[in-house]
Amino acid sequence: MVKSTQTDKEIQDSILFYLWQEGAWGENYTNYEKMRRRLGMVVKNNGKNTDKQLKKLVNDRMVLKLKQGRTYSLNHLYRQTIEQRLIDADFTI
């Protein structure tokens, strides 16, 4: 895979899609390190951009931070918003 420069929204959409693929809703969560490694292969700046955008998603309450920040999951209260955002970004859900 070739690393590309992505906008902040594209990085956020990639994070949401990764969590959606993992089925990480509510108490079903995914490991932060695993997610960062996978997304870091595609996003430039060695995952720092991923960290910054993940924090924005947590502040927007679309993503839940669990276990002292070692795991993350999607907020089930924003399910329709998240799925619509992924559809608008041309992800296959």
N, C-alpha and C. Protein backbone atom coordinates (compact mmCIF):
# COMPACT_ATOMS: atom_id res chain seq x y z
N MET A 1 0.82 -1.18 0.00
CA MET A 1 0.00 0.00 0.00
C MET A 1 0.88 1.25 0.00
N VAL A 2 0.41 2.24 -0.69
CA VAL A 2 1.13 3.50 -0.76
C VAL A 2 0.50 4.47 0.24
N LYS A 3 1.35 5.10 1.04
CA LYS A 3 0.84 6.09 1.97
C LYS A 3 0.45 7.33 1.18
N SER A 4 -0.68 7.89 1.54
CA SER A 4 -1.15 9.07 0.83
C SER A 4 -1.53 10.15 1.82
N THR A 5 -1.53 11.38 1.33
CA THR A 5 -1.97 12.49 2.16
C THR A 5 -3.49 12.51 2.13
N GLN A 6 -4.08 12.43 3.30
CA GLN A 6 -5.53 12.42 3.40
C GLN A 6 -5.98 13.61 4.22
N THR A 7 -7.19 14.05 3.96
CA THR A 7 -7.76 15.14 4.75
C THR A 7 -8.16 14.59 6.12
N ASP A 8 -8.42 15.51 7.04
CA ASP A 8 -8.83 15.10 8.38
C ASP A 8 -10.10 14.27 8.33
N LYS A 9 -11.06 14.68 7.50
CA LYS A 9 -12.33 13.95 7.40
C LYS A 9 -12.12 12.54 6.85
N GLU A 10 -11.21 12.39 5.89
CA GLU A 10 -10.94 11.07 5.33
C GLU A 10 -10.30 10.15 6.37
N ILE A 11 -9.42 10.71 7.19
CA ILE A 11 -8.80 9.91 8.25
C ILE A 11 -9.86 9.50 9.27
N GLN A 12 -10.74 10.42 9.64
CA GLN A 12 -11.81 10.09 10.58
C GLN A 12 -12.73 9.02 10.00
N ASP A 13 -13.05 9.14 8.71
CA ASP A 13 -13.89 8.12 8.07
C ASP A 13 -13.21 6.76 8.06
N SER A 14 -11.89 6.74 7.85
CA SER A 14 -11.14 5.48 7.88
C SER A 14 -11.19 4.84 9.26
N ILE A 15 -11.08 5.67 10.31
CA ILE A 15 -11.16 5.16 11.68
C ILE A 15 -12.54 4.58 11.94
N LEU A 16 -13.58 5.32 11.55
CA LEU A 16 -14.95 4.84 11.76
C LEU A 16 -15.19 3.54 10.99
N PHE A 17 -14.69 3.47 9.76
CA PHE A 17 -14.90 2.26 8.95
C PHE A 17 -14.16 1.07 9.56
N TYR A 18 -12.95 1.30 10.06
CA TYR A 18 -12.20 0.21 10.70
C TYR A 18 -12.98 -0.33 11.89
N LEU A 19 -13.45 0.57 12.75
CA LEU A 19 -14.22 0.13 13.92
C LEU A 19 -15.52 -0.55 13.50
N TRP A 20 -16.14 -0.06 12.43
CA TRP A 20 -17.38 -0.67 11.95
C TRP A 20 -17.10 -2.08 11.44
N GLN A 21 -15.99 -2.27 10.70
CA GLN A 21 -15.63 -3.60 10.21
C GLN A 21 -15.37 -4.57 11.35
N GLU A 22 -14.77 -4.08 12.42
CA GLU A 22 -14.47 -4.92 13.57
C GLU A 22 -15.72 -5.24 14.40
N GLY A 23 -16.82 -4.56 14.11
CA GLY A 23 -18.04 -4.76 14.90
C GLY A 23 -17.91 -4.19 16.30
N ALA A 24 -17.12 -3.14 16.43
CA ALA A 24 -16.84 -2.54 17.73
C ALA A 24 -17.90 -1.50 18.08
N TRP A 25 -19.01 -1.98 18.64
CA TRP A 25 -20.11 -1.11 19.07
C TRP A 25 -20.28 -1.29 20.57
N GLY A 26 -20.31 -0.20 21.32
CA GLY A 26 -20.57 -0.27 22.75
C GLY A 26 -19.49 -1.05 23.49
N GLU A 27 -19.89 -2.15 24.13
CA GLU A 27 -18.96 -2.95 24.93
C GLU A 27 -18.10 -3.90 24.10
N ASN A 28 -18.38 -4.03 22.81
CA ASN A 28 -17.50 -4.79 21.92
C ASN A 28 -16.48 -3.79 21.38
N TYR A 29 -15.25 -3.91 21.82
CA TYR A 29 -14.25 -2.90 21.50
C TYR A 29 -13.07 -3.52 20.78
N THR A 30 -12.20 -2.66 20.27
CA THR A 30 -10.99 -3.12 19.58
C THR A 30 -9.76 -2.47 20.21
N ASN A 31 -8.65 -3.14 20.10
CA ASN A 31 -7.39 -2.70 20.68
C ASN A 31 -6.85 -1.49 19.93
N TYR A 32 -6.39 -0.50 20.67
CA TYR A 32 -5.87 0.74 20.09
C TYR A 32 -4.61 0.49 19.26
N GLU A 33 -3.68 -0.28 19.77
CA GLU A 33 -2.41 -0.52 19.07
C GLU A 33 -2.64 -1.22 17.73
N LYS A 34 -3.53 -2.17 17.72
CA LYS A 34 -3.84 -2.89 16.49
C LYS A 34 -4.44 -1.94 15.45
N MET A 35 -5.34 -1.08 15.90
CA MET A 35 -5.98 -0.13 15.00
C MET A 35 -4.96 0.88 14.47
N ARG A 36 -4.10 1.37 15.33
CA ARG A 36 -3.11 2.36 14.91
C ARG A 36 -2.13 1.77 13.90
N ARG A 37 -1.71 0.53 14.12
CA ARG A 37 -0.79 -0.13 13.17
C ARG A 37 -1.44 -0.28 11.81
N ARG A 38 -2.69 -0.71 11.79
CA ARG A 38 -3.35 -0.94 10.52
C ARG A 38 -3.59 0.36 9.77
N LEU A 39 -4.07 1.38 10.47
CA LEU A 39 -4.32 2.66 9.81
C LEU A 39 -3.03 3.40 9.50
N GLY A 40 -1.98 3.17 10.27
CA GLY A 40 -0.70 3.81 10.04
C GLY A 40 -0.03 3.37 8.75
N MET A 41 -0.45 2.23 8.21
CA MET A 41 0.10 1.75 6.95
C MET A 41 -0.39 2.59 5.78
N VAL A 42 -1.54 3.23 5.95
CA VAL A 42 -2.16 3.97 4.86
C VAL A 42 -2.00 5.48 5.03
N VAL A 43 -1.98 5.94 6.27
CA VAL A 43 -1.94 7.37 6.57
C VAL A 43 -0.51 7.82 6.80
N LYS A 44 -0.13 8.94 6.22
CA LYS A 44 1.22 9.48 6.41
C LYS A 44 1.40 9.99 7.84
N ASN A 45 2.64 10.26 8.20
CA ASN A 45 3.05 10.83 9.48
C ASN A 45 3.00 9.80 10.60
N ASN A 46 3.14 8.54 10.26
CA ASN A 46 3.37 7.47 11.23
C ASN A 46 2.33 7.37 12.34
N GLY A 47 1.09 7.61 12.02
CA GLY A 47 0.02 7.43 12.99
C GLY A 47 -0.28 8.64 13.85
N LYS A 48 0.52 9.69 13.77
CA LYS A 48 0.24 10.88 14.57
C LYS A 48 -1.05 11.55 14.13
N ASN A 49 -1.28 11.58 12.82
CA ASN A 49 -2.53 12.12 12.32
C ASN A 49 -3.71 11.27 12.78
N THR A 50 -3.51 9.97 12.82
CA THR A 50 -4.56 9.06 13.29
C THR A 50 -4.91 9.36 14.74
N ASP A 51 -3.90 9.58 15.57
CA ASP A 51 -4.15 9.89 16.99
C ASP A 51 -4.95 11.18 17.14
N LYS A 52 -4.58 12.19 16.38
CA LYS A 52 -5.24 13.49 16.49
C LYS A 52 -6.71 13.38 16.07
N GLN A 53 -6.97 12.66 14.99
CA GLN A 53 -8.35 12.53 14.50
C GLN A 53 -9.18 11.62 15.41
N LEU A 54 -8.55 10.63 16.01
CA LEU A 54 -9.25 9.77 16.96
C LEU A 54 -9.69 10.59 18.17
N LYS A 55 -8.85 11.49 18.64
CA LYS A 55 -9.22 12.35 19.76
C LYS A 55 -10.40 13.24 19.39
N LYS A 56 -10.43 13.73 18.15
CA LYS A 56 -11.56 14.56 17.71
C LYS A 56 -12.85 13.75 17.70
N LEU A 57 -12.78 12.49 17.25
CA LEU A 57 -13.96 11.64 17.24
C LEU A 57 -14.44 11.34 18.65
N VAL A 58 -13.51 11.17 19.58
CA VAL A 58 -13.88 10.94 20.99
C VAL A 58 -14.56 12.19 21.54
N ASN A 59 -14.02 13.36 21.23
CA ASN A 59 -14.62 14.61 21.70
C ASN A 59 -16.00 14.83 21.10
N ASP A 60 -16.22 14.36 19.86
CA ASP A 60 -17.53 14.46 19.21
C ASP A 60 -18.49 13.37 19.69
N ARG A 61 -17.99 12.46 20.53
CA ARG A 61 -18.74 11.35 21.13
C ARG A 61 -19.20 10.29 20.12
N MET A 62 -18.57 10.26 18.96
CA MET A 62 -18.89 9.20 18.00
C MET A 62 -18.13 7.92 18.34
N VAL A 63 -17.00 8.08 19.03
CA VAL A 63 -16.17 6.95 19.44
C VAL A 63 -16.03 6.99 20.95
N LEU A 64 -16.14 5.82 21.57
CA LEU A 64 -16.01 5.70 23.02
C LEU A 64 -14.61 5.21 23.36
N LYS A 65 -14.02 5.81 24.39
CA LYS A 65 -12.69 5.44 24.86
C LYS A 65 -12.89 4.57 26.10
N LEU A 66 -12.37 3.35 26.07
CA LEU A 66 -12.56 2.40 27.16
C LEU A 66 -11.22 1.94 27.72
N LYS A 67 -11.23 1.43 28.93
CA LYS A 67 -10.05 0.84 29.57
C LYS A 67 -8.85 1.78 29.54
N GLN A 68 -9.00 2.97 30.09
CA GLN A 68 -7.94 3.98 30.16
C GLN A 68 -7.34 4.31 28.80
N GLY A 69 -8.14 4.27 27.76
CA GLY A 69 -7.66 4.65 26.43
C GLY A 69 -6.94 3.56 25.67
N ARG A 70 -6.96 2.34 26.15
CA ARG A 70 -6.29 1.24 25.43
C ARG A 70 -7.21 0.59 24.41
N THR A 71 -8.52 0.82 24.53
CA THR A 71 -9.48 0.24 23.59
C THR A 71 -10.50 1.30 23.20
N TYR A 72 -11.07 1.11 22.01
CA TYR A 72 -12.05 2.06 21.49
C TYR A 72 -13.21 1.30 20.85
N SER A 73 -14.39 1.94 20.86
CA SER A 73 -15.54 1.37 20.18
C SER A 73 -16.43 2.50 19.68
N LEU A 74 -17.34 2.17 18.78
CA LEU A 74 -18.28 3.15 18.26
C LEU A 74 -19.41 3.36 19.25
N ASN A 75 -19.90 4.58 19.33
CA ASN A 75 -21.02 4.91 20.20
C ASN A 75 -22.30 4.48 19.52
N HIS A 76 -23.02 3.53 20.10
CA HIS A 76 -24.23 3.00 19.48
C HIS A 76 -25.35 4.04 19.39
N LEU A 77 -25.28 5.11 20.17
CA LEU A 77 -26.29 6.16 20.09
C LEU A 77 -26.18 6.97 18.80
N TYR A 78 -25.01 6.92 18.15
CA TYR A 78 -24.78 7.64 16.91
C TYR A 78 -24.73 6.70 15.71
N ARG A 79 -25.36 5.55 15.82
CA ARG A 79 -25.27 4.52 14.77
C ARG A 79 -25.73 5.05 13.41
N GLN A 80 -26.88 5.69 13.35
CA GLN A 80 -27.37 6.18 12.06
C GLN A 80 -26.46 7.26 11.48
N THR A 81 -25.95 8.14 12.33
CA THR A 81 -25.05 9.19 11.87
C THR A 81 -23.76 8.59 11.32
N ILE A 82 -23.21 7.61 12.01
CA ILE A 82 -21.97 6.97 11.58
C ILE A 82 -22.17 6.23 10.27
N GLU A 83 -23.25 5.46 10.17
CA GLU A 83 -23.50 4.70 8.94
C GLU A 83 -23.75 5.64 7.76
N GLN A 84 -24.46 6.74 7.97
CA GLN A 84 -24.69 7.69 6.89
C GLN A 84 -23.39 8.35 6.45
N ARG A 85 -22.54 8.66 7.41
CA ARG A 85 -21.24 9.26 7.09
C ARG A 85 -20.38 8.30 6.27
N LEU A 86 -20.41 7.01 6.59
CA LEU A 86 -19.65 6.02 5.83
C LEU A 86 -20.20 5.86 4.42
N ILE A 87 -21.52 5.89 4.31
CA ILE A 87 -22.14 5.81 2.97
C ILE A 87 -21.74 7.02 2.13
N ASP A 88 -21.79 8.21 2.72
CA ASP A 88 -21.40 9.42 2.01
C ASP A 88 -19.93 9.40 1.59
N ALA A 89 -19.10 8.71 2.36
CA ALA A 89 -17.66 8.61 2.04
C ALA A 89 -17.36 7.45 1.09
N ASP A 90 -18.39 6.81 0.55
CA ASP A 90 -18.25 5.72 -0.43
C ASP A 90 -17.63 4.46 0.14
N PHE A 91 -17.83 4.20 1.43
CA PHE A 91 -17.43 2.92 2.01
C PHE A 91 -18.60 1.95 1.83
N THR A 92 -18.30 0.70 1.57
CA THR A 92 -19.33 -0.32 1.41
C THR A 92 -19.67 -0.89 2.77
N ILE A 93 -20.90 -0.63 3.22
CA ILE A 93 -21.32 -1.16 4.51
C ILE A 93 -22.50 -2.09 4.33
